[in-house]
Amino acid sequence: MNAPITQNFNNPALSEEQIKNVVQGPGDVEWRYEMRRECQEILPGLLLGPFVASKSLETLQTLSITHIVCIRDAKEAFSVRPRFPEHFQYLVLDVEDNEEQNLIRLFPSAKVFIDNAISAGGRVLVHCNGGISLSPAFVVMFVMQHYQLSWEDALHMVQNRRYCISPNGGFLTQLKEYEAIYRASIAVASYPTTNRVVSRRKRTDEDDEDGTDRQAPYDDRKRALVDNTDAPPYDPDAMEIS
């Protein structure tokens, strides 16, 4: 039940007051130890939790889940797997929960999947086995770019909704790296295309004004391949042979 997914979107940057409110989250939630076995809504349409939260069809339907990102270690594939493919769209990512695992390389497919689900009015559950380190790292990366937050604000935002998360040290390092990556991509995307066209046109005009022909060296090399220095001089009175 996997539909082609191509759309992507980002929210505009938030004001300082909006960032504060987003990061702080609801203040009336009293965290209980047993809540780590449940899933929590991180932002509208995006929920985070452990694998056990994905095993109850009744719970998923009550939460109006439409899409599920199943993140697992390959060794867990026999148990951590899509349980209800006839009811939900799944994205399965085989990821090792260790500090050497590259999450940045795997994140784009998850982001596209989540973006498209939410933009179509769906609700996404992102889970790994325990919902403590692996899946939270992906969700932190998502909300970081979605709200254009720093990695620290994004981490605090997720922690303020699911108190038990604790990405490992390697994942935290990659969260810091991803902040620079997504901010650079936004900067490049926001640079007006017209400026790039004008810059290229300006360089061409300057070349024309100073008489520089950038093609000339290439043409000279082409002409140098034919050497006519030993050819006899042209004699207009010479007899033509028909």
C-alpha atoms as a PDB file:
ATOM      1  CA  MET A   1       0.000   0.000   0.000  1.00  0.00           C
ATOM      2  CA  ASN A   2       2.831   2.350  -0.946  1.00  0.00           C
ATOM      3  CA  ALA A   3       1.962   5.332  -3.120  1.00  0.00           C
ATOM      4  CA  PRO A   4       4.579   7.336  -5.046  1.00  0.00           C
ATOM      5  CA  ILE A   5       5.800  10.193  -2.892  1.00  0.00           C
ATOM      6  CA  THR A   6       7.513  13.261  -4.271  1.00  0.00           C
ATOM      7  CA  GLN A   7       6.323  16.406  -2.514  1.00  0.00           C
ATOM      8  CA  ASN A   8       8.369  18.416  -0.053  1.00  0.00           C
ATOM      9  CA  PHE A   9       7.619  21.524   2.021  1.00  0.00           C
ATOM     10  CA  ASN A  10       9.036  23.768   4.722  1.00  0.00           C
ATOM     11  CA  ASN A  11       7.422  26.304   7.030  1.00  0.00           C
ATOM     12  CA  PRO A  12       8.681  29.887   7.013  1.00  0.00           C
ATOM     13  CA  ALA A  13      11.070  30.863   9.784  1.00  0.00           C
ATOM     14  CA  LEU A  14       9.405  31.519  13.143  1.00  0.00           C
ATOM     15  CA  SER A  15       9.748  34.601  15.307  1.00  0.00           C
ATOM     16  CA  GLU A  16      11.600  34.318  18.610  1.00  0.00           C
ATOM     17  CA  GLU A  17       8.325  34.245  20.520  1.00  0.00           C
ATOM     18  CA  GLN A  18       6.914  31.536  18.256  1.00  0.00           C
ATOM     19  CA  ILE A  19      10.090  29.466  18.647  1.00  0.00           C
ATOM     20  CA  LYS A  20       9.815  29.770  22.423  1.00  0.00           C
ATOM     21  CA  ASN A  21       6.210  28.559  22.372  1.00  0.00           C
ATOM     22  CA  VAL A  22       6.933  25.711  19.961  1.00  0.00           C
ATOM     23  CA  VAL A  23       9.931  24.459  21.926  1.00  0.00           C
ATOM     24  CA  GLN A  24       8.257  24.761  25.299  1.00  0.00           C
ATOM     25  CA  GLY A  25       5.226  22.745  24.285  1.00  0.00           C
ATOM     26  CA  PRO A  26       2.208  22.014  26.449  1.00  0.00           C
ATOM     27  CA  GLY A  27       2.845  22.794  30.072  1.00  0.00           C
ATOM     28  CA  ASP A  28      -0.002  20.736  31.485  1.00  0.00           C
ATOM     29  CA  VAL A  29       1.446  17.290  30.679  1.00  0.00           C
ATOM     30  CA  GLU A  30       2.602  15.234  33.639  1.00  0.00           C
ATOM     31  CA  TRP A  31       5.044  12.618  32.408  1.00  0.00           C
ATOM     32  CA  ARG A  32       4.607   9.107  33.780  1.00  0.00           C
ATOM     33  CA  TYR A  33       7.044   6.238  33.343  1.00  0.00           C
ATOM     34  CA  GLU A  34       4.494   4.070  31.502  1.00  0.00           C
ATOM     35  CA  MET A  35       4.086   6.778  28.862  1.00  0.00           C
ATOM     36  CA  ARG A  36       7.336   5.600  27.260  1.00  0.00           C
ATOM     37  CA  ARG A  37       5.319   2.640  25.940  1.00  0.00           C
ATOM     38  CA  GLU A  38       2.912   5.059  24.252  1.00  0.00           C
ATOM     39  CA  CYS A  39       3.392   7.502  21.394  1.00  0.00           C
ATOM     40  CA  GLN A  40       3.255  11.281  21.659  1.00  0.00           C
ATOM     41  CA  GLU A  41       2.334  13.948  19.109  1.00  0.00           C
ATOM     42  CA  ILE A  42       5.409  16.091  18.407  1.00  0.00           C
ATOM     43  CA  LEU A  43       3.824  18.464  15.918  1.00  0.00           C
ATOM     44  CA  PRO A  44       0.402  18.338  14.240  1.00  0.00           C
ATOM     45  CA  GLY A  45       0.276  15.112  12.278  1.00  0.00           C
ATOM     46  CA  LEU A  46       3.616  13.703  13.478  1.00  0.00           C
ATOM     47  CA  LEU A  47       3.799  11.223  16.354  1.00  0.00           C
ATOM     48  CA  LEU A  48       6.801   9.518  17.933  1.00  0.00           C
ATOM     49  CA  GLY A  49       6.862   6.325  19.945  1.00  0.00           C
ATOM     50  CA  PRO A  50       8.166   2.787  20.457  1.00  0.00           C
ATOM     51  CA  PHE A  51       7.457  -0.300  18.381  1.00  0.00           C
ATOM     52  CA  VAL A  52       4.832  -1.502  20.870  1.00  0.00           C
ATOM     53  CA  ALA A  53       2.687   1.510  19.929  1.00  0.00           C
ATOM     54  CA  SER A  54       2.546   0.245  16.341  1.00  0.00           C
ATOM     55  CA  LYS A  55       1.312  -3.250  17.237  1.00  0.00           C
ATOM     56  CA  SER A  56      -2.267  -2.306  18.135  1.00  0.00           C
ATOM     57  CA  LEU A  57      -4.516  -1.728  15.151  1.00  0.00           C
ATOM     58  CA  GLU A  58      -7.170  -0.305  17.436  1.00  0.00           C
ATOM     59  CA  THR A  59      -4.747   2.242  18.912  1.00  0.00           C
ATOM     60  CA  LEU A  60      -3.461   3.298  15.502  1.00  0.00           C
ATOM     61  CA  GLN A  61      -6.970   3.776  14.181  1.00  0.00           C
ATOM     62  CA  THR A  62      -7.993   5.700  17.288  1.00  0.00           C
ATOM     63  CA  LEU A  63      -5.071   8.048  16.671  1.00  0.00           C
ATOM     64  CA  SER A  64      -6.109   8.356  12.987  1.00  0.00           C
ATOM     65  CA  ILE A  65      -2.673   7.186  11.838  1.00  0.00           C
ATOM     66  CA  THR A  66      -2.362   6.866   8.053  1.00  0.00           C
ATOM     67  CA  HIS A  67       1.418   6.457   7.576  1.00  0.00           C
ATOM     68  CA  ILE A  68       4.106   4.692   9.597  1.00  0.00           C
ATOM     69  CA  VAL A  69       7.888   5.083   9.459  1.00  0.00           C
ATOM     70  CA  CYS A  70       9.340   1.840  10.833  1.00  0.00           C
ATOM     71  CA  ILE A  71      12.998   2.327  11.781  1.00  0.00           C
ATOM     72  CA  ARG A  72      14.804  -0.791  12.928  1.00  0.00           C
ATOM     73  CA  ASP A  73      18.095  -2.535  13.216  1.00  0.00           C
ATOM     74  CA  ALA A  74      18.329  -5.255  10.565  1.00  0.00           C
ATOM     75  CA  LYS A  75      18.709  -7.804  13.372  1.00  0.00           C
ATOM     76  CA  GLU A  76      15.234  -6.825  14.607  1.00  0.00           C
ATOM     77  CA  ALA A  77      13.497  -7.344  11.268  1.00  0.00           C
ATOM     78  CA  PHE A  78      11.785 -10.561  12.392  1.00  0.00           C
ATOM     79  CA  SER A  79       9.832  -8.653  15.056  1.00  0.00           C
ATOM     80  CA  VAL A  80      10.007  -4.927  14.245  1.00  0.00           C
ATOM     81  CA  ARG A  81       8.138  -4.939  10.965  1.00  0.00           C
ATOM     82  CA  PRO A  82       5.002  -3.585   9.299  1.00  0.00           C
ATOM     83  CA  ARG A  83       2.055  -5.312  10.948  1.00  0.00           C
ATOM     84  CA  PHE A  84      -0.856  -3.820   9.006  1.00  0.00           C
ATOM     85  CA  PRO A  85       0.243  -3.047   5.428  1.00  0.00           C
ATOM     86  CA  GLU A  86      -3.359  -3.260   4.253  1.00  0.00           C
ATOM     87  CA  HIS A  87      -4.322  -0.369   6.545  1.00  0.00           C
ATOM     88  CA  PHE A  88      -1.328   1.994   6.479  1.00  0.00           C
ATOM     89  CA  GLN A  89       1.414   3.225   4.177  1.00  0.00           C
ATOM     90  CA  TYR A  90       4.818   2.166   5.487  1.00  0.00           C
ATOM     91  CA  LEU A  91       8.360   3.341   5.038  1.00  0.00           C
ATOM     92  CA  VAL A  92      10.865   0.842   6.465  1.00  0.00           C
ATOM     93  CA  LEU A  93      14.440   1.945   7.204  1.00  0.00           C
ATOM     94  CA  ASP A  94      17.082  -0.548   8.321  1.00  0.00           C
ATOM     95  CA  VAL A  95      19.377   1.453  10.583  1.00  0.00           C
ATOM     96  CA  GLU A  96      21.900   0.414  13.204  1.00  0.00           C
ATOM     97  CA  ASP A  97      21.525   2.049  16.603  1.00  0.00           C
ATOM     98  CA  ASN A  98      25.195   2.842  17.116  1.00  0.00           C
ATOM     99  CA  GLU A  99      27.278   5.991  17.041  1.00  0.00           C
ATOM    100  CA  GLU A 100      28.857   5.146  13.673  1.00  0.00           C
ATOM    101  CA  GLN A 101      25.553   4.927  11.787  1.00  0.00           C
ATOM    102  CA  ASN A 102      25.061   7.654   9.165  1.00  0.00           C
ATOM    103  CA  LEU A 103      21.577   9.098   9.685  1.00  0.00           C
ATOM    104  CA  ILE A 104      21.979  12.135   7.440  1.00  0.00           C
ATOM    105  CA  ARG A 105      22.225   9.917   4.360  1.00  0.00           C
ATOM    106  CA  LEU A 106      18.994   8.100   5.266  1.00  0.00           C
ATOM    107  CA  PHE A 107      16.975  11.080   6.451  1.00  0.00           C
ATOM    108  CA  PRO A 108      15.843  12.589   3.098  1.00  0.00           C
ATOM    109  CA  SER A 109      13.586   9.645   2.197  1.00  0.00           C
ATOM    110  CA  ALA A 110      11.964   9.809   5.627  1.00  0.00           C
ATOM    111  CA  LYS A 111      11.433  13.556   5.341  1.00  0.00           C
ATOM    112  CA  VAL A 112       9.781  13.288   1.926  1.00  0.00           C
ATOM    113  CA  PHE A 113       7.522  10.507   3.216  1.00  0.00           C
ATOM    114  CA  ILE A 114       6.465  12.542   6.267  1.00  0.00           C
ATOM    115  CA  ASP A 115       6.080  15.806   4.342  1.00  0.00           C
ATOM    116  CA  ASN A 116       3.776  14.266   1.796  1.00  0.00           C
ATOM    117  CA  ALA A 117       1.685  12.438   4.370  1.00  0.00           C
ATOM    118  CA  ILE A 118       1.106  15.581   6.446  1.00  0.00           C
ATOM    119  CA  SER A 119       0.484  17.828   3.451  1.00  0.00           C
ATOM    120  CA  ALA A 120      -2.185  15.368   2.265  1.00  0.00           C
ATOM    121  CA  GLY A 121      -3.934  15.541   5.641  1.00  0.00           C
ATOM    122  CA  GLY A 122      -2.467  12.299   6.991  1.00  0.00           C
ATOM    123  CA  ARG A 123      -0.961  11.467  10.366  1.00  0.00           C
ATOM    124  CA  VAL A 124       2.426   9.770  10.695  1.00  0.00           C
ATOM    125  CA  LEU A 125       3.812   7.565  13.443  1.00  0.00           C
ATOM    126  CA  VAL A 126       7.611   7.333  13.523  1.00  0.00           C
ATOM    127  CA  HIS A 127       8.916   4.492  15.679  1.00  0.00           C
ATOM    128  CA  CYS A 128      11.926   2.314  16.337  1.00  0.00           C
ATOM    129  CA  ASN A 129      12.126  -0.473  18.904  1.00  0.00           C
ATOM    130  CA  GLY A 130      12.152   1.603  22.073  1.00  0.00           C
ATOM    131  CA  GLY A 131      11.491   5.114  20.792  1.00  0.00           C
ATOM    132  CA  ILE A 132      14.467   6.376  22.811  1.00  0.00           C
ATOM    133  CA  SER A 133      17.412   7.053  20.486  1.00  0.00           C
ATOM    134  CA  LEU A 134      16.987   6.027  16.855  1.00  0.00           C
ATOM    135  CA  SER A 135      13.527   7.261  15.811  1.00  0.00           C
ATOM    136  CA  PRO A 136      13.798  10.405  17.996  1.00  0.00           C
ATOM    137  CA  ALA A 137      16.955  11.407  16.093  1.00  0.00           C
ATOM    138  CA  PHE A 138      15.008  11.316  12.820  1.00  0.00           C
ATOM    139  CA  VAL A 139      12.131  13.286  14.335  1.00  0.00           C
ATOM    140  CA  VAL A 140      14.489  15.915  15.761  1.00  0.00           C
ATOM    141  CA  MET A 141      16.004  16.355  12.288  1.00  0.00           C
ATOM    142  CA  PHE A 142      12.528  16.708  10.821  1.00  0.00           C
ATOM    143  CA  VAL A 143      11.234  19.352  13.244  1.00  0.00           C
ATOM    144  CA  MET A 144      14.582  21.177  13.017  1.00  0.00           C
ATOM    145  CA  GLN A 145      14.100  21.750   9.300  1.00  0.00           C
ATOM    146  CA  HIS A 146      10.297  22.001   9.415  1.00  0.00           C
ATOM    147  CA  TYR A 147      10.383  24.930  11.854  1.00  0.00           C
ATOM    148  CA  GLN A 148      13.904  26.123  10.922  1.00  0.00           C
ATOM    149  CA  LEU A 149      15.178  25.609  14.466  1.00  0.00           C
ATOM    150  CA  SER A 150      18.650  25.126  15.869  1.00  0.00           C
ATOM    151  CA  TRP A 151      19.510  21.522  16.678  1.00  0.00           C
ATOM    152  CA  GLU A 152      19.294  22.296  20.401  1.00  0.00           C
ATOM    153  CA  ASP A 153      15.846  23.894  20.146  1.00  0.00           C
ATOM    154  CA  ALA A 154      14.627  20.978  18.032  1.00  0.00           C
ATOM    155  CA  LEU A 155      15.972  18.464  20.539  1.00  0.00           C
ATOM    156  CA  HIS A 156      14.322  20.289  23.446  1.00  0.00           C
ATOM    157  CA  MET A 157      11.070  20.523  21.530  1.00  0.00           C
ATOM    158  CA  VAL A 158      10.914  16.754  21.074  1.00  0.00           C
ATOM    159  CA  GLN A 159      12.062  16.088  24.650  1.00  0.00           C
ATOM    160  CA  ASN A 160       9.333  18.364  26.002  1.00  0.00           C
ATOM    161  CA  ARG A 161       6.754  16.089  24.383  1.00  0.00           C
ATOM    162  CA  ARG A 162       8.437  12.715  24.852  1.00  0.00           C
ATOM    163  CA  TYR A 163      10.553  13.081  27.962  1.00  0.00           C
ATOM    164  CA  CYS A 164      12.350   9.741  27.694  1.00  0.00           C
ATOM    165  CA  ILE A 165      14.250  10.328  24.447  1.00  0.00           C
ATOM    166  CA  SER A 166      18.053  10.181  24.554  1.00  0.00           C
ATOM    167  CA  PRO A 167      19.833  10.018  21.157  1.00  0.00           C
ATOM    168  CA  ASN A 168      23.339   8.565  21.430  1.00  0.00           C
ATOM    169  CA  GLY A 169      26.426  10.765  21.153  1.00  0.00           C
ATOM    170  CA  GLY A 170      27.016   9.996  17.480  1.00  0.00           C
ATOM    171  CA  PHE A 171      23.469  10.965  16.615  1.00  0.00           C
ATOM    172  CA  LEU A 172      23.778  14.245  18.539  1.00  0.00           C
ATOM    173  CA  THR A 173      26.892  15.081  16.520  1.00  0.00           C
ATOM    174  CA  GLN A 174      24.966  14.464  13.306  1.00  0.00           C
ATOM    175  CA  LEU A 175      22.105  16.669  14.494  1.00  0.00           C
ATOM    176  CA  LYS A 176      24.608  19.524  14.821  1.00  0.00           C
ATOM    177  CA  GLU A 177      25.953  18.768  11.337  1.00  0.00           C
ATOM    178  CA  TYR A 178      22.476  18.625   9.841  1.00  0.00           C
ATOM    179  CA  GLU A 179      21.628  22.109  11.109  1.00  0.00           C
ATOM    180  CA  ALA A 180      24.434  23.520   8.949  1.00  0.00           C
ATOM    181  CA  ILE A 181      23.333  21.399   5.978  1.00  0.00           C
ATOM    182  CA  TYR A 182      19.687  22.422   6.001  1.00  0.00           C
ATOM    183  CA  ARG A 183      20.474  26.102   6.610  1.00  0.00           C
ATOM    184  CA  ALA A 184      22.855  26.079   3.647  1.00  0.00           C
ATOM    185  CA  SER A 185      20.218  24.479   1.424  1.00  0.00           C
ATOM    186  CA  ILE A 186      17.716  27.182   2.418  1.00  0.00           C
ATOM    187  CA  ALA A 187      20.259  29.907   1.659  1.00  0.00           C
ATOM    188  CA  VAL A 188      20.968  28.465  -1.790  1.00  0.00           C
ATOM    189  CA  ALA A 189      17.267  28.016  -2.566  1.00  0.00           C
ATOM    190  CA  SER A 190      16.491  31.602  -1.536  1.00  0.00           C
ATOM    191  CA  TYR A 191      19.197  33.113  -3.754  1.00  0.00           C
ATOM    192  CA  PRO A 192      17.305  34.675  -6.695  1.00  0.00           C
ATOM    193  CA  THR A 193      17.768  32.870  -9.983  1.00  0.00           C
ATOM    194  CA  THR A 194      17.716  36.237 -11.786  1.00  0.00           C
ATOM    195  CA  ASN A 195      20.905  37.252  -9.967  1.00  0.00           C
ATOM    196  CA  ARG A 196      22.702  34.203 -11.299  1.00  0.00           C
ATOM    197  CA  VAL A 197      21.485  34.956 -14.853  1.00  0.00           C
ATOM    198  CA  VAL A 198      22.503  38.620 -14.606  1.00  0.00           C
ATOM    199  CA  SER A 199      25.947  37.643 -13.304  1.00  0.00           C
ATOM    200  CA  ARG A 200      26.544  35.335 -16.246  1.00  0.00           C
ATOM    201  CA  ARG A 201      25.263  37.978 -18.685  1.00  0.00           C
ATOM    202  CA  LYS A 202      27.490  40.636 -17.090  1.00  0.00           C
ATOM    203  CA  ARG A 203      30.576  38.484 -17.519  1.00  0.00           C
ATOM    204  CA  THR A 204      29.717  37.962 -21.191  1.00  0.00           C
ATOM    205  CA  ASP A 205      29.213  41.685 -21.761  1.00  0.00           C
ATOM    206  CA  GLU A 206      32.530  42.487 -20.086  1.00  0.00           C
ATOM    207  CA  ASP A 207      34.278  39.989 -22.326  1.00  0.00           C
ATOM    208  CA  ASP A 208      32.769  41.679 -25.395  1.00  0.00           C
ATOM    209  CA  GLU A 209      33.822  45.150 -24.209  1.00  0.00           C
ATOM    210  CA  ASP A 210      37.487  44.312 -23.635  1.00  0.00           C
ATOM    211  CA  GLY A 211      37.700  42.402 -26.888  1.00  0.00           C
ATOM    212  CA  THR A 212      38.385  39.104 -25.187  1.00  0.00           C
ATOM    213  CA  ASP A 213      37.232  36.100 -27.149  1.00  0.00           C
ATOM    214  CA  ARG A 214      37.075  33.144 -24.758  1.00  0.00           C
ATOM    215  CA  GLN A 215      36.675  30.798 -27.717  1.00  0.00           C
ATOM    216  CA  ALA A 216      39.814  32.027 -29.448  1.00  0.00           C
ATOM    217  CA  PRO A 217      42.321  29.742 -27.695  1.00  0.00           C
ATOM    218  CA  TYR A 218      40.228  26.738 -28.640  1.00  0.00           C
ATOM    219  CA  ASP A 219      39.965  27.914 -32.252  1.00  0.00           C
ATOM    220  CA  ASP A 220      43.727  28.501 -32.355  1.00  0.00           C
ATOM    221  CA  ARG A 221      44.350  24.978 -31.186  1.00  0.00           C
ATOM    222  CA  LYS A 222      42.058  23.663 -33.902  1.00  0.00           C
ATOM    223  CA  ARG A 223      43.859  25.657 -36.579  1.00  0.00           C
ATOM    224  CA  ALA A 224      47.253  24.493 -35.342  1.00  0.00           C
ATOM    225  CA  LEU A 225      46.350  20.926 -36.176  1.00  0.00           C
ATOM    226  CA  VAL A 226      46.643  21.733 -39.923  1.00  0.00           C
ATOM    227  CA  ASP A 227      50.177  22.832 -40.785  1.00  0.00           C
ATOM    228  CA  ASN A 228      50.480  24.432 -44.241  1.00  0.00           C
ATOM    229  CA  THR A 229      53.957  25.911 -43.784  1.00  0.00           C
ATOM    230  CA  ASP A 230      55.534  23.529 -46.364  1.00  0.00           C
ATOM    231  CA  ALA A 231      52.901  24.081 -49.055  1.00  0.00           C
ATOM    232  CA  PRO A 232      54.177  25.826 -52.265  1.00  0.00           C
ATOM    233  CA  PRO A 233      53.085  29.442 -52.763  1.00  0.00           C
ATOM    234  CA  TYR A 234      50.013  30.002 -54.897  1.00  0.00           C
ATOM    235  CA  ASP A 235      50.811  30.841 -58.566  1.00  0.00           C
ATOM    236  CA  PRO A 236      47.819  32.322 -60.411  1.00  0.00           C
ATOM    237  CA  ASP A 237      49.522  31.598 -63.800  1.00  0.00           C
ATOM    238  CA  ALA A 238      50.129  27.956 -63.079  1.00  0.00           C
ATOM    239  CA  MET A 239      48.420  25.466 -65.366  1.00  0.00           C
ATOM    240  CA  GLU A 240      45.334  23.896 -63.863  1.00  0.00           C
ATOM    241  CA  ILE A 241      45.049  20.139 -64.258  1.00  0.00           C
ATOM    242  CA  SER A 242      41.513  18.962 -65.041  1.00  0.00           C
END
